[in-house]
Amino acid sequence: MGGGMGKMSAPQMPPPMTDVTDKTAEEEAKLAAEKQRMLDTKKKGQYATILTSGEGLDEPVETQKTTLGGTSTMS
C-alpha cells in the first residue's frame, strides 16, 4: 500500500547568470553598426541620382502626343 510516490529529489539550482551588461553592450553595438550601415546606404543612393537645379534643364525636349494604345499620332 505504498501510494506510488517514490523518492522526491531536491530541486536543481538554475545555472549561474551570465553578465547581462556585456550582452546589452554587444547588442547596442550591433544596432549602432546596422543603423550606420543603413544611413551610409541611404546617402550613397542620394548621390547616385541625377541632381538638377530648381530651374530644370536648359535644353528643349522633344515630345510627341501618343494615344492610349501607345502609337504616335505625329509623324
N, C-alpha and C. Protein backbone atom coordinates (compact mmCIF):
# COMPACT_ATOMS: atom_id res chain seq x y z
N MET A 1 0.81 -1.17 0.00
CA MET A 1 0.00 0.00 0.00
C MET A 1 0.87 1.25 0.00
N GLY A 2 1.79 1.28 -0.83
CA GLY A 2 2.79 2.33 -0.82
C GLY A 2 2.28 3.68 -1.27
N GLY A 3 1.43 3.78 -2.16
CA GLY A 3 0.96 5.07 -2.62
C GLY A 3 1.66 5.49 -3.91
N GLY A 4 2.78 4.86 -4.26
CA GLY A 4 3.46 5.10 -5.51
C GLY A 4 4.14 6.44 -5.64
N MET A 5 4.42 7.12 -4.58
CA MET A 5 5.02 8.45 -4.66
C MET A 5 6.49 8.38 -5.04
N GLY A 6 7.21 7.46 -4.55
CA GLY A 6 8.62 7.38 -4.86
C GLY A 6 9.42 8.41 -4.08
N LYS A 7 10.68 8.43 -4.33
CA LYS A 7 11.57 9.33 -3.60
C LYS A 7 11.60 10.70 -4.30
N MET A 8 11.40 11.77 -3.55
CA MET A 8 11.43 13.13 -4.10
C MET A 8 12.86 13.65 -4.02
N SER A 9 13.35 14.23 -5.11
CA SER A 9 14.70 14.78 -5.09
C SER A 9 14.61 16.29 -4.85
N ALA A 10 15.72 16.85 -4.43
CA ALA A 10 15.77 18.28 -4.18
C ALA A 10 15.73 19.03 -5.52
N PRO A 11 15.14 20.21 -5.57
CA PRO A 11 15.09 20.97 -6.82
C PRO A 11 16.50 21.35 -7.27
N GLN A 12 16.70 21.37 -8.57
CA GLN A 12 18.02 21.71 -9.11
C GLN A 12 18.19 23.22 -9.13
N MET A 13 19.41 23.63 -8.92
CA MET A 13 19.73 25.06 -8.96
C MET A 13 19.82 25.51 -10.41
N PRO A 14 19.32 26.68 -10.73
CA PRO A 14 19.45 27.19 -12.10
C PRO A 14 20.91 27.52 -12.39
N PRO A 15 21.30 27.51 -13.66
CA PRO A 15 22.69 27.85 -13.99
C PRO A 15 22.99 29.29 -13.58
N PRO A 16 24.23 29.57 -13.26
CA PRO A 16 24.56 30.94 -12.85
C PRO A 16 24.29 31.93 -13.98
N MET A 17 23.84 33.12 -13.61
CA MET A 17 23.51 34.14 -14.60
C MET A 17 24.78 34.69 -15.23
N THR A 18 24.72 34.88 -16.53
CA THR A 18 25.85 35.49 -17.22
C THR A 18 25.74 36.99 -17.05
N ASP A 19 26.80 37.66 -17.34
CA ASP A 19 26.83 39.11 -17.18
C ASP A 19 25.92 39.76 -18.23
N VAL A 20 24.83 40.33 -17.78
CA VAL A 20 23.83 40.92 -18.67
C VAL A 20 24.37 42.18 -19.34
N THR A 21 25.21 42.93 -18.66
CA THR A 21 25.70 44.19 -19.23
C THR A 21 26.56 43.93 -20.46
N ASP A 22 27.30 42.82 -20.49
CA ASP A 22 28.11 42.51 -21.67
C ASP A 22 27.22 42.25 -22.87
N LYS A 23 26.15 41.48 -22.68
CA LYS A 23 25.24 41.19 -23.79
C LYS A 23 24.51 42.44 -24.24
N THR A 24 24.13 43.30 -23.31
CA THR A 24 23.43 44.53 -23.67
C THR A 24 24.34 45.44 -24.48
N ALA A 25 25.58 45.58 -24.04
CA ALA A 25 26.53 46.43 -24.77
C ALA A 25 26.80 45.87 -26.15
N GLU A 26 26.88 44.55 -26.25
CA GLU A 26 27.12 43.91 -27.54
C GLU A 26 25.95 44.15 -28.49
N GLU A 27 24.73 44.01 -27.99
CA GLU A 27 23.54 44.26 -28.80
C GLU A 27 23.45 45.71 -29.24
N GLU A 28 23.78 46.63 -28.34
CA GLU A 28 23.75 48.06 -28.69
C GLU A 28 24.78 48.36 -29.77
N ALA A 29 25.95 47.73 -29.70
CA ALA A 29 26.98 47.94 -30.71
C ALA A 29 26.50 47.41 -32.06
N LYS A 30 25.82 46.27 -32.06
CA LYS A 30 25.30 45.71 -33.32
C LYS A 30 24.25 46.64 -33.91
N LEU A 31 23.37 47.16 -33.06
CA LEU A 31 22.32 48.07 -33.54
C LEU A 31 22.93 49.36 -34.11
N ALA A 32 23.93 49.89 -33.43
CA ALA A 32 24.58 51.12 -33.91
C ALA A 32 25.26 50.88 -35.25
N ALA A 33 25.92 49.73 -35.40
CA ALA A 33 26.58 49.41 -36.67
C ALA A 33 25.56 49.25 -37.79
N GLU A 34 24.44 48.60 -37.52
CA GLU A 34 23.39 48.41 -38.52
C GLU A 34 22.79 49.76 -38.92
N LYS A 35 22.55 50.62 -37.94
CA LYS A 35 21.98 51.94 -38.23
C LYS A 35 22.95 52.76 -39.10
N GLN A 36 24.24 52.70 -38.78
CA GLN A 36 25.23 53.45 -39.57
C GLN A 36 25.31 52.91 -40.99
N ARG A 37 25.22 51.58 -41.14
CA ARG A 37 25.27 50.98 -42.47
C ARG A 37 24.07 51.42 -43.30
N MET A 38 22.89 51.48 -42.67
CA MET A 38 21.69 51.91 -43.39
C MET A 38 21.78 53.38 -43.79
N LEU A 39 22.32 54.22 -42.90
CA LEU A 39 22.48 55.63 -43.23
C LEU A 39 23.47 55.82 -44.37
N ASP A 40 24.56 55.06 -44.35
CA ASP A 40 25.55 55.16 -45.42
C ASP A 40 24.95 54.74 -46.76
N THR A 41 24.12 53.69 -46.75
CA THR A 41 23.47 53.24 -47.97
C THR A 41 22.52 54.31 -48.49
N LYS A 42 21.79 54.94 -47.58
CA LYS A 42 20.85 55.99 -47.97
C LYS A 42 21.59 57.18 -48.58
N LYS A 43 22.71 57.58 -47.98
CA LYS A 43 23.49 58.69 -48.52
C LYS A 43 24.05 58.35 -49.89
N LYS A 44 24.52 57.13 -50.05
CA LYS A 44 25.07 56.70 -51.32
C LYS A 44 24.00 56.77 -52.41
N GLY A 45 22.79 56.35 -52.08
CA GLY A 45 21.70 56.38 -53.05
C GLY A 45 21.32 57.80 -53.44
N GLN A 46 21.42 58.73 -52.51
CA GLN A 46 21.07 60.11 -52.79
C GLN A 46 22.05 60.71 -53.80
N TYR A 47 23.32 60.40 -53.68
CA TYR A 47 24.32 60.97 -54.57
C TYR A 47 24.39 60.22 -55.89
N ALA A 48 23.78 59.05 -55.97
CA ALA A 48 23.78 58.29 -57.21
C ALA A 48 22.71 58.77 -58.18
N THR A 49 21.79 59.63 -57.73
CA THR A 49 20.75 60.13 -58.61
C THR A 49 21.25 61.36 -59.36
N ILE A 50 20.56 61.72 -60.41
CA ILE A 50 20.91 62.91 -61.18
C ILE A 50 20.31 64.12 -60.47
N LEU A 51 21.14 65.02 -60.05
CA LEU A 51 20.67 66.20 -59.35
C LEU A 51 20.64 67.38 -60.32
N THR A 52 19.49 68.05 -60.40
CA THR A 52 19.37 69.24 -61.25
C THR A 52 19.00 70.42 -60.37
N SER A 53 19.16 71.60 -60.93
CA SER A 53 18.81 72.80 -60.17
C SER A 53 17.30 72.96 -60.15
N GLY A 54 16.85 73.95 -59.41
CA GLY A 54 15.42 74.24 -59.34
C GLY A 54 14.88 74.79 -60.63
N GLU A 55 15.75 75.28 -61.52
CA GLU A 55 15.32 75.82 -62.81
C GLU A 55 15.07 74.73 -63.83
N GLY A 56 15.52 73.54 -63.59
CA GLY A 56 15.31 72.44 -64.53
C GLY A 56 16.38 72.42 -65.60
N LEU A 57 16.08 71.80 -66.72
CA LEU A 57 17.02 71.67 -67.82
C LEU A 57 16.95 72.88 -68.74
N ASP A 58 18.08 73.20 -69.40
CA ASP A 58 18.13 74.32 -70.33
C ASP A 58 17.80 73.89 -71.76
N GLU A 59 17.93 72.61 -72.06
CA GLU A 59 17.74 72.12 -73.43
C GLU A 59 16.26 71.88 -73.70
N PRO A 60 15.79 72.21 -74.91
CA PRO A 60 14.39 71.90 -75.24
C PRO A 60 14.21 70.39 -75.38
N VAL A 61 13.07 69.91 -75.00
CA VAL A 61 12.79 68.48 -75.05
C VAL A 61 11.74 68.23 -76.12
N GLU A 62 11.99 67.25 -76.98
CA GLU A 62 11.01 66.89 -78.00
C GLU A 62 10.01 65.91 -77.39
N THR A 63 8.73 66.27 -77.52
CA THR A 63 7.69 65.38 -77.02
C THR A 63 6.73 65.07 -78.14
N GLN A 64 6.09 63.93 -78.07
CA GLN A 64 5.09 63.54 -79.05
C GLN A 64 3.84 63.12 -78.30
N LYS A 65 2.70 63.46 -78.85
CA LYS A 65 1.45 63.00 -78.27
C LYS A 65 1.24 61.56 -78.70
N THR A 66 0.79 60.75 -77.78
CA THR A 66 0.50 59.36 -78.09
C THR A 66 -0.94 59.07 -77.70
N THR A 67 -1.51 58.10 -78.37
CA THR A 67 -2.85 57.67 -77.99
C THR A 67 -2.73 56.71 -76.83
N LEU A 68 -3.83 56.32 -76.30
CA LEU A 68 -3.84 55.44 -75.14
C LEU A 68 -3.15 54.12 -75.45
N GLY A 69 -3.21 53.66 -76.68
CA GLY A 69 -2.59 52.40 -77.06
C GLY A 69 -1.07 52.50 -77.19
N GLY A 70 -0.53 53.71 -77.22
CA GLY A 70 0.91 53.89 -77.28
C GLY A 70 1.45 54.20 -78.65
N THR A 71 0.62 54.33 -79.68
CA THR A 71 1.11 54.66 -81.00
C THR A 71 1.18 56.16 -81.17
N SER A 72 2.13 56.61 -81.94
CA SER A 72 2.34 58.03 -82.14
C SER A 72 1.32 58.58 -83.13
N THR A 73 0.78 59.78 -82.84
CA THR A 73 -0.16 60.41 -83.75
C THR A 73 0.55 61.39 -84.66
N MET A 74 1.79 61.76 -84.36
CA MET A 74 2.56 62.67 -85.20
C MET A 74 3.63 61.86 -85.92
N SER A 75 3.90 62.22 -87.17
CA SER A 75 4.95 61.53 -87.89
C SER A 75 6.02 62.47 -88.33
